[in-house]
N, C-alpha and C. Protein backbone atom coordinates (compact mmCIF):
# COMPACT_ATOMS: atom_id res chain seq x y z
N MET A 1 -18.90 -10.17 1.87
CA MET A 1 -17.84 -9.71 2.45
C MET A 1 -17.97 -9.57 3.85
N GLU A 2 -16.66 -9.52 4.47
CA GLU A 2 -16.50 -9.66 5.68
C GLU A 2 -15.44 -8.11 5.77
N ALA A 3 -15.62 -7.96 6.88
CA ALA A 3 -14.86 -6.37 7.34
C ALA A 3 -13.88 -6.76 8.68
N VAL A 4 -12.98 -6.01 9.15
CA VAL A 4 -12.39 -6.28 10.37
C VAL A 4 -11.48 -4.83 10.28
N TYR A 5 -11.53 -3.92 11.47
CA TYR A 5 -10.68 -2.80 11.89
C TYR A 5 -9.62 -3.32 12.84
N ILE A 6 -8.25 -2.91 12.43
CA ILE A 6 -7.43 -3.20 12.76
C ILE A 6 -6.75 -1.69 13.40
N LYS A 7 -5.74 -2.12 14.73
CA LYS A 7 -4.95 -0.78 15.23
C LYS A 7 -3.60 -0.82 14.43
N THR A 8 -3.35 0.10 14.12
CA THR A 8 -1.70 0.33 13.22
C THR A 8 -1.45 1.61 13.80
N PRO A 9 0.05 1.84 13.66
CA PRO A 9 0.63 3.06 14.02
C PRO A 9 -0.06 4.08 13.26
N LEU A 10 -0.54 3.95 11.98
CA LEU A 10 -0.61 5.21 11.19
C LEU A 10 -2.07 5.25 11.07
N GLY A 11 -2.94 4.34 12.12
CA GLY A 11 -4.26 4.57 12.16
C GLY A 11 -5.08 3.40 12.24
N ILE A 12 -6.59 3.35 11.93
CA ILE A 12 -7.09 2.49 12.32
C ILE A 12 -7.73 1.92 10.58
N ALA A 13 -7.00 0.74 10.69
CA ALA A 13 -6.62 0.12 9.03
C ALA A 13 -8.51 -1.24 9.37
N LYS A 14 -8.96 -0.56 8.04
CA LYS A 14 -9.87 -1.54 7.68
C LYS A 14 -9.83 -2.51 6.36
N VAL A 15 -9.96 -3.37 6.71
CA VAL A 15 -10.09 -4.68 5.71
C VAL A 15 -11.26 -5.23 5.42
N ILE A 16 -11.54 -5.46 4.07
CA ILE A 16 -12.54 -6.32 3.72
C ILE A 16 -12.12 -6.91 2.81
N GLY A 17 -13.32 -8.47 2.46
CA GLY A 17 -12.29 -9.49 1.64
C GLY A 17 -13.63 -10.63 2.39
N ASP A 18 -13.64 -11.73 0.86
CA ASP A 18 -14.15 -12.85 1.55
C ASP A 18 -13.07 -13.90 0.97
N GLU A 19 -13.57 -15.16 0.64
CA GLU A 19 -12.88 -16.37 0.45
C GLU A 19 -12.22 -16.19 -0.92
N ASP A 20 -12.42 -15.02 -2.06
CA ASP A 20 -11.83 -14.89 -2.88
C ASP A 20 -10.56 -13.65 -2.90
N GLY A 21 -10.66 -13.20 -1.37
CA GLY A 21 -9.31 -12.24 -1.72
C GLY A 21 -10.16 -11.06 -0.63
N VAL A 22 -8.81 -10.58 -0.27
CA VAL A 22 -9.18 -9.09 0.15
C VAL A 22 -9.56 -7.95 -1.19
N SER A 23 -10.12 -7.48 -1.06
CA SER A 23 -10.51 -6.39 -1.82
C SER A 23 -10.57 -4.67 -1.30
N VAL A 24 -10.24 -4.36 -0.14
CA VAL A 24 -9.61 -3.04 0.32
C VAL A 24 -9.15 -3.12 1.64
N ILE A 25 -8.08 -2.44 1.51
CA ILE A 25 -7.71 -2.07 3.05
C ILE A 25 -7.28 -0.29 2.87
N SER A 26 -8.01 0.20 3.60
CA SER A 26 -7.75 1.55 3.76
C SER A 26 -7.49 2.13 5.45
N VAL A 27 -7.19 3.31 5.44
CA VAL A 27 -6.63 3.95 6.53
C VAL A 27 -7.25 5.17 7.07
N SER A 28 -7.87 5.24 8.27
CA SER A 28 -8.64 6.24 8.55
C SER A 28 -7.76 6.53 10.07
N ASP A 29 -8.16 8.04 10.56
CA ASP A 29 -7.49 8.47 12.08
C ASP A 29 -8.45 8.09 13.13
N GLU A 30 -9.75 7.40 12.41
CA GLU A 30 -10.96 6.99 13.47
C GLU A 30 -11.30 5.59 13.17
N GLY A 31 -11.78 5.40 14.29
CA GLY A 31 -12.83 4.27 13.97
C GLY A 31 -12.61 3.02 15.28
N ILE A 32 -13.32 2.22 15.39
CA ILE A 32 -13.38 1.11 16.43
C ILE A 32 -12.51 0.00 16.08
N VAL A 33 -12.09 -0.54 16.67
CA VAL A 33 -10.68 -1.75 16.79
C VAL A 33 -11.98 -2.99 16.75
N SER A 34 -11.99 -3.79 15.60
CA SER A 34 -12.75 -5.39 15.75
C SER A 34 -12.10 -6.18 16.95
N VAL A 35 -13.06 -6.50 17.68
CA VAL A 35 -12.84 -7.40 18.91
C VAL A 35 -12.61 -8.98 17.83
N VAL A 36 -13.55 -9.46 17.11
CA VAL A 36 -13.54 -10.45 16.60
C VAL A 36 -12.69 -10.37 15.09
N ILE A 37 -11.95 -11.28 14.73
CA ILE A 37 -10.98 -10.93 13.20
C ILE A 37 -11.91 -12.53 12.37
N PRO A 38 -12.68 -12.38 11.49
CA PRO A 38 -13.25 -12.79 10.44
C PRO A 38 -12.40 -13.92 10.17
N VAL A 39 -12.61 -15.22 9.89
CA VAL A 39 -11.11 -16.43 9.38
C VAL A 39 -10.47 -15.89 8.06
N VAL A 40 -11.78 -15.56 6.98
CA VAL A 40 -11.36 -15.24 5.87
C VAL A 40 -10.10 -13.91 5.71
N LEU A 41 -10.06 -13.13 6.99
CA LEU A 41 -8.94 -12.18 6.68
C LEU A 41 -8.30 -12.17 7.74
N SER A 42 -8.04 -13.38 8.42
CA SER A 42 -7.15 -13.73 9.46
C SER A 42 -5.46 -13.75 9.10
N ASP A 43 -5.85 -14.30 7.85
CA ASP A 43 -3.77 -13.97 6.90
C ASP A 43 -3.73 -12.57 7.05
N ALA A 44 -4.66 -11.85 6.40
CA ALA A 44 -4.26 -10.31 6.07
C ALA A 44 -3.85 -9.47 7.19
N VAL A 45 -4.66 -9.82 7.95
CA VAL A 45 -4.45 -9.20 9.54
C VAL A 45 -3.23 -9.16 10.02
N SER A 46 -2.92 -10.72 10.05
CA SER A 46 -1.81 -11.42 10.79
C SER A 46 -0.47 -10.56 9.68
N GLN A 47 -0.91 -10.71 8.49
CA GLN A 47 0.53 -10.21 7.56
C GLN A 47 0.44 -8.58 7.96
N LEU A 48 -0.56 -7.56 8.06
CA LEU A 48 -0.25 -6.19 8.38
C LEU A 48 0.43 -6.37 9.65
N ASN A 49 -0.12 -7.01 10.70
CA ASN A 49 0.66 -6.62 11.94
C ASN A 49 2.14 -6.88 11.84
N GLU A 50 2.64 -8.25 11.22
CA GLU A 50 4.08 -8.36 10.65
C GLU A 50 4.87 -7.53 10.20
N TYR A 51 4.45 -6.81 9.43
CA TYR A 51 4.50 -5.52 8.66
C TYR A 51 5.20 -4.65 9.32
N PHE A 52 3.86 -4.27 10.32
CA PHE A 52 3.99 -3.13 11.05
C PHE A 52 5.20 -3.49 12.50
N GLU A 53 5.16 -4.75 12.26
CA GLU A 53 6.54 -5.08 13.69
C GLU A 53 7.61 -5.18 13.04
N GLY A 54 8.08 -5.00 11.72
CA GLY A 54 9.25 -5.07 10.85
C GLY A 54 9.30 -6.06 10.75
N LYS A 55 8.79 -7.33 10.82
CA LYS A 55 8.85 -8.78 10.51
C LYS A 55 8.51 -9.59 8.83
N ARG A 56 7.93 -8.14 8.15
CA ARG A 56 7.46 -8.60 7.01
C ARG A 56 7.52 -7.61 6.12
N SER A 57 8.35 -8.09 4.46
CA SER A 57 8.23 -7.00 3.64
C SER A 57 7.55 -7.36 2.11
N ASP A 58 6.71 -8.15 2.60
CA ASP A 58 5.60 -8.67 1.30
C ASP A 58 4.62 -9.15 1.53
N PHE A 59 3.66 -9.49 0.91
CA PHE A 59 2.62 -10.15 1.68
C PHE A 59 2.12 -11.06 0.75
N THR A 60 1.40 -12.32 1.49
CA THR A 60 0.95 -13.36 0.79
C THR A 60 -0.27 -13.52 0.57
N PHE A 61 -1.12 -13.02 1.44
CA PHE A 61 -2.45 -13.23 1.14
C PHE A 61 -2.99 -13.05 -0.43
N LYS A 62 -4.38 -13.24 -0.24
CA LYS A 62 -4.92 -13.77 -1.89
C LYS A 62 -5.62 -12.26 -1.94
N PHE A 63 -5.45 -11.51 -3.10
CA PHE A 63 -5.67 -10.10 -3.49
C PHE A 63 -6.58 -10.36 -4.26
N ASN A 64 -7.76 -9.22 -4.08
CA ASN A 64 -9.10 -9.38 -5.28
C ASN A 64 -9.27 -7.78 -5.48
N PRO A 65 -8.42 -7.12 -6.11
CA PRO A 65 -8.93 -5.84 -6.39
C PRO A 65 -9.96 -5.52 -7.20
N LYS A 66 -10.85 -4.38 -7.23
CA LYS A 66 -11.79 -4.16 -7.90
C LYS A 66 -11.42 -3.00 -8.62
N GLY A 67 -11.34 -3.04 -10.21
CA GLY A 67 -11.01 -1.58 -10.81
C GLY A 67 -11.22 -2.23 -12.38
N THR A 68 -10.67 -1.32 -13.06
CA THR A 68 -10.44 -1.37 -14.59
C THR A 68 -9.30 -2.44 -14.71
N ASP A 69 -9.46 -2.87 -15.91
CA ASP A 69 -8.03 -3.35 -16.71
C ASP A 69 -7.07 -2.62 -16.63
N PHE A 70 -6.76 -1.39 -16.86
CA PHE A 70 -5.48 -0.57 -16.43
C PHE A 70 -4.90 -0.37 -15.44
N GLN A 71 -6.06 -0.50 -14.33
CA GLN A 71 -6.20 0.48 -13.00
C GLN A 71 -5.36 -1.15 -12.54
N LYS A 72 -5.41 -2.20 -12.83
CA LYS A 72 -5.35 -3.86 -12.16
C LYS A 72 -3.73 -3.80 -12.98
N LYS A 73 -3.30 -3.56 -14.18
CA LYS A 73 -1.87 -3.41 -14.84
C LYS A 73 -1.05 -2.58 -13.68
N VAL A 74 -1.42 -1.39 -13.54
CA VAL A 74 -0.86 -0.48 -12.54
C VAL A 74 -0.68 -0.82 -11.58
N TRP A 75 -1.43 -1.72 -10.95
CA TRP A 75 -1.52 -1.72 -9.62
C TRP A 75 -0.21 -3.22 -9.36
N LYS A 76 -0.30 -4.00 -10.20
CA LYS A 76 0.17 -5.51 -10.68
C LYS A 76 1.88 -4.87 -11.31
N GLY A 77 1.87 -3.64 -11.69
CA GLY A 77 3.11 -3.44 -11.68
C GLY A 77 3.83 -2.63 -10.53
N LEU A 78 3.30 -2.01 -9.37
CA LEU A 78 3.40 -1.56 -8.21
C LEU A 78 4.10 -2.96 -7.36
N LEU A 79 3.62 -4.00 -7.49
CA LEU A 79 4.41 -5.15 -7.05
C LEU A 79 5.57 -5.50 -7.13
N ASP A 80 5.91 -4.98 -8.35
CA ASP A 80 7.42 -5.21 -8.65
C ASP A 80 8.50 -4.33 -8.09
N ILE A 81 8.16 -3.58 -7.49
CA ILE A 81 8.95 -2.14 -6.64
C ILE A 81 9.31 -3.30 -5.67
N PRO A 82 10.59 -3.31 -5.04
CA PRO A 82 11.52 -3.81 -3.61
C PRO A 82 10.88 -3.44 -2.81
N TYR A 83 10.80 -3.98 -1.50
CA TYR A 83 10.82 -3.50 -0.34
C TYR A 83 11.78 -2.31 0.28
N GLY A 84 11.55 -1.38 0.41
CA GLY A 84 13.12 -0.48 0.51
C GLY A 84 13.46 0.33 -0.46
N LYS A 85 12.45 0.10 -1.47
CA LYS A 85 12.89 0.75 -3.17
C LYS A 85 11.64 2.06 -3.29
N THR A 86 12.49 2.97 -3.98
CA THR A 86 11.13 3.75 -4.62
C THR A 86 11.49 3.54 -6.24
N ARG A 87 10.13 4.05 -6.87
CA ARG A 87 10.23 4.39 -8.56
C ARG A 87 9.64 5.46 -8.75
N THR A 88 10.11 6.47 -9.72
CA THR A 88 9.24 7.83 -10.19
C THR A 88 7.96 7.22 -10.97
N TYR A 89 7.15 8.36 -11.05
CA TYR A 89 6.09 8.05 -11.72
C TYR A 89 5.94 8.04 -12.99
N MET A 90 7.48 8.52 -13.74
CA MET A 90 7.77 8.44 -15.15
C MET A 90 8.58 7.05 -15.39
N GLU A 91 9.48 6.66 -14.38
CA GLU A 91 9.63 4.91 -14.24
C GLU A 91 8.48 3.83 -14.57
N GLN A 92 7.82 4.44 -13.50
CA GLN A 92 6.54 3.26 -13.64
C GLN A 92 5.73 3.36 -15.13
N SER A 93 5.53 4.58 -15.44
CA SER A 93 4.99 4.43 -17.11
C SER A 93 5.89 4.01 -18.09
N LYS A 94 6.91 4.46 -17.69
CA LYS A 94 7.99 3.49 -18.61
C LYS A 94 7.83 1.88 -18.71
N ILE A 95 7.90 1.63 -17.55
CA ILE A 95 7.80 -0.01 -17.60
C ILE A 95 6.46 -0.37 -17.83
N LEU A 96 5.53 0.35 -18.03
CA LEU A 96 4.06 -0.03 -18.27
C LEU A 96 3.81 0.26 -19.74
N GLY A 97 4.74 1.00 -20.41
CA GLY A 97 4.97 0.58 -21.79
C GLY A 97 4.51 2.24 -22.33
N ASN A 98 4.24 2.93 -21.60
CA ASN A 98 3.82 4.50 -22.02
C ASN A 98 4.20 5.30 -21.40
N SER A 99 5.15 5.89 -21.50
CA SER A 99 5.98 7.34 -20.93
C SER A 99 5.05 8.33 -21.05
N LYS A 100 4.15 8.49 -21.70
CA LYS A 100 3.52 9.51 -21.75
C LYS A 100 1.72 9.52 -21.09
N ALA A 101 1.79 8.19 -20.25
CA ALA A 101 0.91 7.81 -19.53
C ALA A 101 1.32 8.38 -17.80
N ILE A 102 1.89 9.04 -17.57
CA ILE A 102 1.96 9.56 -16.43
C ILE A 102 1.26 9.93 -15.40
N ARG A 103 0.09 10.71 -15.87
CA ARG A 103 -1.07 11.09 -15.20
C ARG A 103 -2.18 10.30 -15.04
N ALA A 104 -2.29 9.01 -15.96
CA ALA A 104 -2.96 8.35 -16.25
C ALA A 104 -2.38 7.14 -15.31
N VAL A 105 -1.57 6.85 -15.14
CA VAL A 105 -0.37 5.56 -14.05
C VAL A 105 -0.86 6.62 -12.40
N ALA A 106 -0.35 7.95 -12.36
CA ALA A 106 -0.30 8.70 -11.14
C ALA A 106 -2.42 8.16 -10.60
N THR A 107 -3.04 8.51 -11.55
CA THR A 107 -4.26 8.49 -11.28
C THR A 107 -4.98 7.15 -10.60
N ALA A 108 -4.48 5.95 -11.40
CA ALA A 108 -4.51 4.33 -10.96
C ALA A 108 -3.88 4.10 -9.71
N ASN A 109 -2.78 4.81 -9.42
CA ASN A 109 -1.77 4.62 -8.36
C ASN A 109 -3.19 5.32 -7.22
N GLY A 110 -3.65 6.20 -7.41
CA GLY A 110 -4.50 7.32 -6.46
C GLY A 110 -5.44 6.38 -5.97
N LYS A 111 -6.13 5.49 -7.09
CA LYS A 111 -7.38 4.85 -6.59
C LYS A 111 -7.36 3.15 -6.42
N ASN A 112 -5.86 3.07 -5.88
CA ASN A 112 -4.85 1.80 -5.29
C ASN A 112 -5.89 1.06 -4.20
N PRO A 113 -6.74 0.30 -4.16
CA PRO A 113 -7.54 -0.07 -2.87
C PRO A 113 -6.91 -0.97 -2.00
N LEU A 114 -5.63 -1.35 -2.01
CA LEU A 114 -4.85 -2.44 -0.82
C LEU A 114 -3.89 -1.17 -0.46
N TRP A 115 -4.37 -0.31 0.42
CA TRP A 115 -3.01 0.03 1.00
C TRP A 115 -1.96 -0.75 2.16
N ILE A 116 -0.59 -0.05 1.44
CA ILE A 116 0.05 -0.86 2.22
C ILE A 116 0.56 -2.26 0.84
N ALA A 117 -0.45 -3.17 0.92
CA ALA A 117 -0.25 -4.16 0.21
C ALA A 117 0.19 -4.19 -1.27
N ILE A 118 -0.48 -2.95 -1.92
CA ILE A 118 -0.33 -2.62 -2.99
C ILE A 118 0.79 -1.34 -2.57
N PRO A 119 2.02 -1.55 -2.57
CA PRO A 119 2.77 -0.37 -2.37
C PRO A 119 2.78 0.77 -3.27
N CYS A 120 1.74 1.61 -3.45
CA CYS A 120 1.86 2.70 -3.80
C CYS A 120 2.47 3.56 -3.66
N HIS A 121 2.83 3.84 -2.21
CA HIS A 121 3.62 4.42 -1.14
C HIS A 121 4.75 4.50 -1.92
N ARG A 122 5.60 3.47 -2.50
CA ARG A 122 6.54 3.79 -3.27
C ARG A 122 6.89 4.56 -4.26
N VAL A 123 6.13 5.26 -4.75
CA VAL A 123 6.18 5.60 -6.30
C VAL A 123 6.19 7.17 -5.75
N ILE A 124 7.40 8.18 -6.20
CA ILE A 124 7.58 9.70 -5.76
C ILE A 124 7.74 10.38 -7.03
N GLY A 125 7.92 11.60 -7.24
CA GLY A 125 8.25 12.62 -8.06
C GLY A 125 9.23 12.31 -8.47
N THR A 126 9.30 12.80 -9.99
CA THR A 126 10.95 12.62 -10.81
C THR A 126 11.95 13.46 -9.84
N ASP A 127 11.56 14.45 -9.46
CA ASP A 127 12.76 15.14 -8.17
C ASP A 127 12.71 14.81 -6.96
N GLY A 128 12.21 13.26 -6.74
CA GLY A 128 12.01 12.79 -5.58
C GLY A 128 11.56 13.10 -4.48
N SER A 129 10.76 14.10 -4.54
CA SER A 129 9.52 14.66 -3.73
C SER A 129 8.44 13.08 -3.51
N LEU A 130 7.89 13.79 -2.27
CA LEU A 130 6.67 12.68 -1.81
C LEU A 130 5.72 13.51 -2.72
N THR A 131 5.05 12.69 -3.53
CA THR A 131 3.80 13.47 -4.33
C THR A 131 2.69 12.53 -4.05
N GLY A 132 1.43 13.33 -3.79
CA GLY A 132 0.35 12.65 -4.59
C GLY A 132 0.21 10.97 -3.65
N TYR A 133 -0.17 11.22 -2.52
CA TYR A 133 -0.75 10.05 -1.47
C TYR A 133 -2.01 10.29 -0.95
N ALA A 134 -2.95 9.29 -1.53
CA ALA A 134 -4.09 9.25 -0.86
C ALA A 134 -4.59 9.06 0.86
N GLY A 135 -3.63 8.29 1.39
CA GLY A 135 -3.37 8.44 2.77
C GLY A 135 -2.92 9.43 3.38
N GLY A 136 -2.24 10.97 2.55
CA GLY A 136 -1.72 11.71 3.52
C GLY A 136 -0.06 11.31 3.36
N LEU A 137 0.64 12.53 3.13
CA LEU A 137 1.75 12.42 2.90
C LEU A 137 2.62 11.91 3.67
N TRP A 138 2.22 12.77 5.15
CA TRP A 138 2.97 11.99 6.47
C TRP A 138 3.02 10.25 6.80
N ARG A 139 1.88 9.42 6.47
CA ARG A 139 1.60 8.46 6.29
C ARG A 139 2.92 7.53 5.09
N LYS A 140 2.85 8.40 3.99
CA LYS A 140 3.53 8.25 3.13
C LYS A 140 5.36 8.36 3.65
N LYS A 141 5.49 9.56 3.86
CA LYS A 141 7.01 9.24 4.22
C LYS A 141 7.06 8.06 5.59
N TRP A 142 6.29 8.21 6.37
CA TRP A 142 6.48 6.93 7.81
C TRP A 142 6.89 5.67 6.99
N LEU A 143 5.78 5.39 6.00
CA LEU A 143 6.16 4.10 5.28
C LEU A 143 7.56 3.83 4.78
N LEU A 144 7.74 5.18 3.92
CA LEU A 144 8.95 4.91 3.21
C LEU A 144 10.14 5.02 4.51
N GLU A 145 10.29 5.50 5.01
CA GLU A 145 11.18 5.68 6.40
C GLU A 145 11.31 4.16 7.35
N ASN A 146 10.30 3.67 7.21
CA ASN A 146 10.11 2.53 7.97
C ASN A 146 10.60 1.29 7.12
N GLU A 147 10.44 1.41 5.27
CA GLU A 147 11.18 0.28 4.86
C GLU A 147 12.40 0.35 4.34
N ASN A 148 13.09 1.71 4.69
CA ASN A 148 14.33 1.80 4.39
C ASN A 148 15.27 1.17 5.38
N PRO A 149 15.98 -0.03 4.34
CA PRO A 149 16.89 -1.00 4.96
C PRO A 149 17.97 -0.37 6.54
N THR A 150 18.58 0.93 5.77
CA THR A 150 19.26 1.87 6.57
C THR A 150 19.20 2.72 7.57
N LYS A 151 18.46 2.48 8.39
CA LYS A 151 17.84 3.47 9.65
C LYS A 151 18.70 4.87 9.56
N GLN A 152 18.05 6.07 9.47
CA GLN A 152 18.88 7.43 10.17
C GLN A 152 18.84 7.64 11.36
N GLN A 153 19.76 7.51 11.87
CA GLN A 153 20.22 7.58 13.34
C GLN A 153 20.07 8.98 13.72
N ASN A 154 19.25 9.58 14.51
CA ASN A 154 19.53 11.17 14.87
C ASN A 154 20.72 11.78 15.44
N LEU A 155 21.24 12.28 15.28
CA LEU A 155 22.63 12.66 15.73
C LEU A 155 22.46 13.61 16.84
N PHE A 156 21.49 14.73 17.28
CA PHE A 156 21.48 15.26 18.18
C PHE A 156 20.19 14.91 19.21
């Protein structure tokens, strides 16, 4: 496994993977930015940078997240949420075939190992609130605002 640390507007992202794909993308408030980018991670780093520059709305590098079959099913469902859109935990549970599995779905979302690439930040509470985000609600808010196709201008 190779690792690289890159600077993003939301902190230092750690990307881990190998020739089978990227298995972890996480974010932290601290860290040392890598000078060298491993070849196996160059596509992921390039695409993450393009996302933060507003030039990319989806990711095509190879994913290789580790998790249970249920978690992988939930994470796969997250990939169907369009850029700039949100879905509630209830909607996500219904799409996955079990409206009573809201807590299990929320727990699986929280264990998403591919920050941003698998867009768990696009899942919100039934009342529209920003709930449950491992990276911190301020990051979730930033990501959703960044993806919003109609940017709100400040009036004052």
